[in-house]
Each structure stands twice: as C-alpha cells, then as structure tokens.
Amino acid sequence: MELNDIRIKSIIRDYSDEISDKEALINLFRKETELYIYNFPRLAYGKNPDFCADFYLYVLDRLEGIIRNYPIGEDLKFKTWFNYVLKNQMINFYYYQTKDETKEIPLDGLEEQFCVEILGTEEAEIDEVKEGLLRLPEIDKIVLKLYYMPEMVDFHEIRTAATHFKFSVGEILVIRRNLILANLAEIRRIREISEKLSEINRKICEVKYALYKNQALDIKSKNDYLVKLARMEGSRFKLLNRLKIPEKRIFDEFVNLFRNIRKAHYCLNIAKKKLKFEILRIIKSKEEGK
C-alpha cells in the first residue's frame, strides 16, 4: 500500500505556512493517509478489523501533532518516517488500552497469513521478507509470489512453475494474469470498504461528541441520538465482517495450479509456515548480533 510522497509533503509544507487553512490541510492529509493508517495494524501485525478501527480513531485525534513533527528539511521518504510514527502510536495505543507497564508489541501478534506488507513496513523489514523468500525452496517461493504478488513473478520462475505443475508456459502466464486481476480486485474491495468505514467512524464520533457535549438533552432527544448511533454501529459491524472475510476470487484462480483444492491449501500453508520460520530466524539472528 503506497503513499503519495510528493502530494503529502506538499500538504505538510503548506500547513507550516502561518496563513494557511490548518483545518482544510489536516482534512487533506487525512484523506491521503487514512487507508494506510486503518490498515497498518492489520498489514504490519495481523490485527483484526475491530482493532484497526479503534487504532484509526486514536491516530485521527493526533494528526495535527504528527503533521507538525514531520522534519520538512530532511531528505526522508514520508512513508519510512510515517511507519516509524505509526509503530510508536501502536505502542502508545497498547498502553492506552491496557494501562499497564507492558509497552512492547508482542511478536505473537503476527498472524501466520503471509502478505507482502505484513513485515514490509520499513526498508529493513522488506529486506527480511526478501531474504526469507530467498532462503525458501524454489517452488515454495514461487507459490507465495504467485498467490500474493503475481506481478513480481519473473520469466525464469514461470518456466520453473510450468515444469513443476506440468503446464505449458502459456497456461502459467494465463493463471498469473488472472491472479494479478484478482489481487487488484481485492485491493479495490478493501479500499472501498475502508473508505465506507472511515466515513461511518467519523459520523459515529460526531454523534458521540454531540451526546457528550449536550448533557442537558431531554430523554426523547437522547433516545433519537442513541437509535441513530445503534444503526450506525450495526452498519459498521457489517462492514467490518465484510473486511474480515477475504474475497474467494484469488484462491479460486490459485487452485487452477493444482487442480485440487486440498492440495492448494496444503502447499500454500506449508510455504507460509516456512517463510514465517525463516523470517523469525533472520530477526533472531539480527537481535543476537546486536
């Protein structure tokens, strides 16, 4: 998931101008980053949609401070800096939720489901994923790349897959193309649901704030607000469930490699477990080397 580096830095520079419309620029910044913020806990730490929604609201309250703290004069990619900020916000959010002394994000929060961005939130972590993939047997690496990032499968890997799965090169290319289209459709689906969640979360915050601000409301007015809030919470719950359940299209295309659903599940899960094991070995080796 990418961020528009040029656009965001332009907004931040405009915000630093004393005569700028701060509120309008914060809204522009929010629109550019909200999907990234919402999906950060899920992609980086495998958190569920409820956690993502709560974290999103937590960060929204702190956007102004985040914008002010960006080092405008430094030659620094915004995404790299923003990942660091969001990781710190995650630690603060854990503290905010638990109110105890445990501020370290536990490693077992990572789900076994591999994604190109699960550990790819900083350049060092991208390197760990790449190194982990290189350590895998060739066919396990190809299986993961075809499923999660088919656009990155090179011609040598296509020929290897054709030999292993007993397909022609042309048939593998068709499967790869269909997997690329399925991945793009899934990205669009997640984006659309996330945008709807962002809007409904904003409206829920407005209703809650109205209830908090207007303490002297009569019972009927309060009930009207509560009914409205309950309906929006119901809509939010449905959207979260839709986001949590992955689209089947990617796996339906992936199965064509195997001609057998059970074998497809087995091979994909084995490859994911191998990759996770290699990444944990790499992390442990780096920690011991410090």
Protein backbone atom coordinates (compact mmCIF):
# COMPACT_ATOMS: atom_id res chain seq x y z
CA MET A 1 0.00 0.00 0.00
CA GLU A 2 1.64 3.18 -1.21
CA LEU A 3 1.51 6.81 -0.10
CA ASN A 4 1.79 9.80 -2.44
CA ASP A 5 5.11 11.17 -1.19
CA ILE A 6 5.06 14.37 -3.25
CA ARG A 7 1.41 15.19 -2.50
CA ILE A 8 1.72 14.58 1.25
CA LYS A 9 4.93 16.58 1.61
CA SER A 10 3.27 19.45 -0.27
CA ILE A 11 0.37 19.42 2.20
CA ILE A 12 2.78 19.41 5.16
CA ARG A 13 4.75 22.34 3.71
CA ASP A 14 1.53 24.30 3.17
CA TYR A 15 0.49 23.52 6.74
CA SER A 16 3.71 25.06 8.08
CA ASP A 17 2.71 28.38 6.49
CA GLU A 18 1.31 30.66 9.19
CA ILE A 19 -1.54 31.96 6.99
CA SER A 20 -2.68 28.54 5.73
CA ASP A 21 -6.09 26.99 6.42
CA LYS A 22 -4.96 24.44 9.01
CA GLU A 23 -8.24 22.56 9.25
CA ALA A 24 -8.58 22.13 5.48
CA LEU A 25 -4.98 20.88 5.21
CA ILE A 26 -5.48 18.41 8.05
CA ASN A 27 -8.50 17.04 6.18
CA LEU A 28 -6.42 16.72 3.01
CA PHE A 29 -3.69 14.95 4.97
CA ARG A 30 -6.30 12.62 6.48
CA LYS A 31 -7.69 11.72 3.05
CA GLU A 32 -4.20 10.89 1.77
CA THR A 33 -3.27 8.71 4.75
CA GLU A 34 -6.46 7.30 6.31
CA LEU A 35 -6.50 3.98 4.42
CA TYR A 36 -2.84 3.44 5.30
CA ILE A 37 -3.50 4.25 8.97
CA TYR A 38 -6.52 1.98 9.14
CA ASN A 39 -4.76 -0.98 7.51
CA PHE A 40 -1.41 -0.51 9.30
CA PRO A 41 -2.18 -2.80 12.31
CA ARG A 42 -3.62 -5.48 10.01
CA LEU A 43 -0.79 -5.47 7.49
CA ALA A 44 2.07 -4.98 9.94
CA TYR A 45 0.85 -7.02 12.93
CA GLY A 46 -2.09 -9.11 11.73
CA LYS A 47 -4.64 -7.31 13.91
CA ASN A 48 -8.37 -7.76 13.37
CA PRO A 49 -10.67 -5.07 11.87
CA ASP A 50 -12.02 -4.00 15.29
CA PHE A 51 -8.51 -3.23 16.47
CA CYS A 52 -7.79 -1.38 13.19
CA ALA A 53 -10.89 0.78 13.59
CA ASP A 54 -10.03 1.71 17.19
CA PHE A 55 -6.42 2.45 16.26
CA TYR A 56 -7.58 4.57 13.31
CA LEU A 57 -9.76 6.74 15.58
CA TYR A 58 -6.90 7.00 18.09
CA VAL A 59 -4.47 8.26 15.43
CA LEU A 60 -7.02 10.68 13.90
CA ASP A 61 -7.07 12.60 17.18
CA ARG A 62 -3.30 13.06 16.86
CA LEU A 63 -2.95 14.01 13.19
CA GLU A 64 -2.16 17.65 13.89
CA GLY A 65 0.78 16.74 16.10
CA ILE A 66 2.00 14.21 13.52
CA ILE A 67 1.97 16.83 10.75
CA ARG A 68 3.81 19.37 12.91
CA ASN A 69 6.56 16.89 13.78
CA TYR A 70 7.49 15.92 10.23
CA PRO A 71 11.09 17.07 9.52
CA ILE A 72 10.42 19.10 6.36
CA GLY A 73 14.07 19.96 5.72
CA GLU A 74 15.28 16.35 5.80
CA ASP A 75 15.74 14.20 2.67
CA LEU A 76 13.46 11.50 4.00
CA LYS A 77 10.75 9.46 2.32
CA PHE A 78 7.44 10.17 4.04
CA LYS A 79 6.39 6.50 4.16
CA THR A 80 9.56 5.48 6.01
CA TRP A 81 9.05 8.23 8.60
CA PHE A 82 5.31 7.57 8.86
CA ASN A 83 5.87 3.84 9.54
CA TYR A 84 8.12 4.80 12.44
CA VAL A 85 5.46 7.19 13.76
CA LEU A 86 2.68 4.60 13.45
CA LYS A 87 4.76 2.00 15.26
CA ASN A 88 5.20 4.43 18.14
CA GLN A 89 1.49 5.20 18.03
CA MET A 90 0.84 1.44 18.27
CA ILE A 91 2.94 1.25 21.42
CA ASN A 92 1.11 4.24 22.88
CA PHE A 93 -2.21 2.73 21.87
CA TYR A 94 -1.34 -0.54 23.67
CA TYR A 95 -0.53 1.49 26.76
CA TYR A 96 -3.73 3.50 26.33
CA GLN A 97 -5.77 0.26 26.15
CA THR A 98 -4.11 -1.74 28.91
CA LYS A 99 -2.88 0.98 31.31
CA ASP A 100 -0.10 -1.34 32.47
CA GLU A 101 3.68 -1.43 32.16
CA THR A 102 3.79 -3.69 29.10
CA LYS A 103 4.63 -1.40 26.22
CA GLU A 104 6.31 -3.90 23.91
CA ILE A 105 4.31 -5.14 20.93
CA PRO A 106 4.35 -8.95 21.22
CA LEU A 107 5.80 -10.94 18.34
CA ASP A 108 2.97 -13.50 18.55
CA GLY A 109 0.62 -10.81 17.33
CA LEU A 110 1.75 -11.73 13.84
CA GLU A 111 -0.72 -13.96 12.03
CA GLU A 112 0.53 -16.90 10.04
CA GLN A 113 -1.04 -15.42 6.91
CA PHE A 114 1.75 -14.01 4.80
CA CYS A 115 1.34 -10.78 2.91
CA VAL A 116 3.98 -8.78 1.07
CA GLU A 117 3.43 -5.97 3.60
CA ILE A 118 2.94 -7.92 6.84
CA LEU A 119 6.58 -7.30 7.67
CA GLY A 120 7.14 -4.76 4.91
CA THR A 121 6.52 -1.61 6.91
CA GLU A 122 10.12 -0.39 6.76
CA GLU A 123 13.03 -0.91 4.44
CA ALA A 124 14.77 -3.22 6.92
CA GLU A 125 11.66 -5.38 7.21
CA ILE A 126 11.23 -5.54 3.44
CA ASP A 127 14.79 -6.84 3.34
CA GLU A 128 13.86 -9.52 5.89
CA VAL A 129 10.95 -10.67 3.71
CA LYS A 130 13.15 -10.72 0.61
CA GLU A 131 15.89 -12.62 2.44
CA GLY A 132 13.32 -15.05 3.83
CA LEU A 133 11.95 -15.72 0.34
CA LEU A 134 15.47 -16.37 -0.98
CA ARG A 135 16.00 -18.99 1.71
CA LEU A 136 12.93 -20.97 0.67
CA PRO A 137 12.94 -23.90 -1.76
CA GLU A 138 12.28 -22.54 -5.26
CA ILE A 139 8.76 -23.90 -5.61
CA ASP A 140 7.65 -22.57 -2.19
CA LYS A 141 8.91 -19.11 -3.17
CA ILE A 142 7.03 -19.30 -6.48
CA VAL A 143 3.82 -20.44 -4.78
CA LEU A 144 3.88 -17.45 -2.41
CA LYS A 145 4.76 -14.96 -5.13
CA LEU A 146 2.02 -16.26 -7.43
CA TYR A 147 -0.60 -16.00 -4.68
CA TYR A 148 0.36 -12.69 -3.05
CA MET A 149 2.39 -10.75 -5.64
CA PRO A 150 1.96 -12.41 -9.06
CA GLU A 151 3.15 -9.28 -10.85
CA MET A 152 6.63 -9.93 -9.37
CA VAL A 153 6.99 -13.46 -10.78
CA ASP A 154 9.76 -13.40 -13.40
CA PHE A 155 10.03 -15.49 -16.55
CA HIS A 156 12.51 -17.96 -15.03
CA GLU A 157 10.02 -18.64 -12.22
CA ILE A 158 7.20 -19.02 -14.76
CA ARG A 159 9.22 -21.69 -16.60
CA THR A 160 10.02 -23.43 -13.30
CA ALA A 161 6.33 -23.39 -12.34
CA ALA A 162 5.36 -24.77 -15.76
CA THR A 163 7.76 -27.68 -15.30
CA HIS A 164 6.74 -28.37 -11.70
CA PHE A 165 2.97 -28.13 -12.19
CA LYS A 166 3.12 -29.77 -15.64
CA PHE A 167 1.60 -26.83 -17.51
CA SER A 168 2.74 -25.03 -20.60
CA VAL A 169 4.39 -21.63 -20.16
CA GLY A 170 1.35 -20.06 -21.83
CA GLU A 171 -1.03 -21.68 -19.31
CA ILE A 172 1.05 -20.42 -16.39
CA LEU A 173 1.04 -16.94 -17.90
CA VAL A 174 -2.76 -17.04 -18.09
CA ILE A 175 -3.01 -18.13 -14.44
CA ARG A 176 -0.56 -15.38 -13.45
CA ARG A 177 -2.57 -12.75 -15.36
CA ASN A 178 -5.80 -13.90 -13.68
CA LEU A 179 -4.14 -13.79 -10.26
CA ILE A 180 -2.94 -10.22 -10.94
CA LEU A 181 -6.50 -9.20 -11.83
CA ALA A 182 -7.88 -10.98 -8.75
CA ASN A 183 -5.36 -9.22 -6.48
CA LEU A 184 -6.26 -5.84 -7.97
CA ALA A 185 -9.96 -6.57 -7.44
CA GLU A 186 -9.27 -7.45 -3.79
CA ILE A 187 -7.31 -4.22 -3.28
CA ARG A 188 -10.23 -2.24 -4.72
CA ARG A 189 -12.66 -4.12 -2.49
CA ILE A 190 -10.63 -3.39 0.66
CA ARG A 191 -10.24 0.26 -0.36
CA GLU A 192 -13.99 0.70 -0.93
CA ILE A 193 -14.91 -0.93 2.39
CA SER A 194 -12.20 1.03 4.23
CA GLU A 195 -13.49 4.30 2.79
CA LYS A 196 -17.02 3.45 3.95
CA LEU A 197 -15.67 2.52 7.40
CA SER A 198 -13.78 5.79 7.59
CA GLU A 199 -16.92 7.75 6.84
CA ILE A 200 -19.14 5.85 9.27
CA ASN A 201 -16.50 6.09 12.02
CA ARG A 202 -16.42 9.84 11.50
CA LYS A 203 -20.22 10.02 11.83
CA ILE A 204 -20.18 7.83 14.96
CA CYS A 205 -17.63 10.17 16.54
CA GLU A 206 -19.84 13.15 15.72
CA VAL A 207 -22.90 11.55 17.36
CA LYS A 208 -20.93 10.53 20.45
CA TYR A 209 -19.50 14.02 20.73
CA ALA A 210 -22.98 15.53 20.39
CA LEU A 211 -24.23 13.34 23.23
CA TYR A 212 -21.22 14.26 25.36
CA LYS A 213 -21.48 17.98 24.63
CA ASN A 214 -25.25 18.30 25.13
CA GLN A 215 -25.66 16.92 28.62
CA ALA A 216 -28.95 18.77 29.12
CA LEU A 217 -30.79 16.99 26.28
CA ASP A 218 -34.26 15.68 27.07
CA ILE A 219 -34.93 11.93 27.07
CA LYS A 220 -36.53 11.91 23.61
CA SER A 221 -33.57 13.71 22.01
CA LYS A 222 -31.11 11.39 23.71
CA ASN A 223 -33.08 8.35 22.54
CA ASP A 224 -33.04 9.68 18.97
CA TYR A 225 -29.26 10.03 19.15
CA LEU A 226 -28.89 6.53 20.64
CA VAL A 227 -31.10 4.95 17.97
CA LYS A 228 -29.04 6.68 15.29
CA LEU A 229 -25.83 5.53 16.97
CA ALA A 230 -27.10 1.91 17.20
CA ARG A 231 -27.93 1.88 13.48
CA MET A 232 -24.51 3.20 12.55
CA GLU A 233 -22.79 0.70 14.84
CA GLY A 234 -24.77 -2.07 13.13
CA SER A 235 -23.65 -0.83 9.71
CA ARG A 236 -20.07 -0.60 10.96
CA PHE A 237 -20.22 -4.19 12.26
CA LYS A 238 -21.42 -5.45 8.86
CA LEU A 239 -18.61 -3.59 7.08
CA LEU A 240 -16.02 -5.00 9.50
CA ASN A 241 -17.27 -8.51 8.81
CA ARG A 242 -17.03 -7.90 5.07
CA LEU A 243 -13.47 -6.66 5.51
CA LYS A 244 -12.52 -9.61 7.69
CA ILE A 245 -13.72 -12.22 5.21
CA PRO A 246 -11.33 -12.33 2.24
CA GLU A 247 -12.59 -12.48 -1.31
CA LYS A 248 -12.50 -16.03 -2.73
CA ARG A 249 -11.51 -14.98 -6.23
CA ILE A 250 -7.76 -15.07 -5.57
CA PHE A 251 -7.85 -18.61 -4.19
CA ASP A 252 -10.24 -19.75 -6.94
CA GLU A 253 -7.65 -18.68 -9.52
CA PHE A 254 -4.78 -20.11 -7.45
CA VAL A 255 -6.43 -23.56 -7.31
CA ASN A 256 -6.01 -23.85 -11.09
CA LEU A 257 -2.32 -24.56 -10.47
CA PHE A 258 -3.15 -27.73 -8.57
CA ARG A 259 -6.48 -28.98 -9.91
CA ASN A 260 -7.19 -29.91 -6.28
CA ILE A 261 -8.44 -27.57 -3.51
CA ARG A 262 -6.92 -29.58 -0.64
CA LYS A 263 -3.52 -29.72 -2.28
CA ALA A 264 -3.66 -25.98 -2.98
CA HIS A 265 -4.47 -25.24 0.69
CA TYR A 266 -1.73 -27.58 1.88
CA CYS A 267 1.01 -26.21 -0.39
CA LEU A 268 0.14 -22.57 0.37
CA ASN A 269 0.04 -23.13 4.15
CA ILE A 270 3.33 -25.05 4.14
CA ALA A 271 5.03 -22.28 2.14
CA LYS A 272 3.70 -19.60 4.54
CA LYS A 273 4.91 -21.51 7.59
CA LYS A 274 8.35 -21.97 6.05
CA LEU A 275 8.59 -18.27 5.26
CA LYS A 276 7.50 -17.23 8.73
CA PHE A 277 10.07 -19.59 10.25
CA GLU A 278 12.86 -18.13 8.06
CA ILE A 279 11.86 -14.55 8.90
CA LEU A 280 11.85 -15.31 12.64
CA ARG A 281 15.30 -16.88 12.26
CA ILE A 282 16.54 -13.74 10.49
CA ILE A 283 15.08 -11.48 13.20
CA LYS A 284 16.57 -13.61 15.96
CA SER A 285 19.97 -13.64 14.25
CA LYS A 286 19.94 -9.84 13.97
CA GLU A 287 18.93 -9.43 17.61
CA GLU A 288 21.74 -11.75 18.76
CA GLY A 289 24.21 -9.83 16.63
CA LYS A 290 23.47 -6.52 18.36
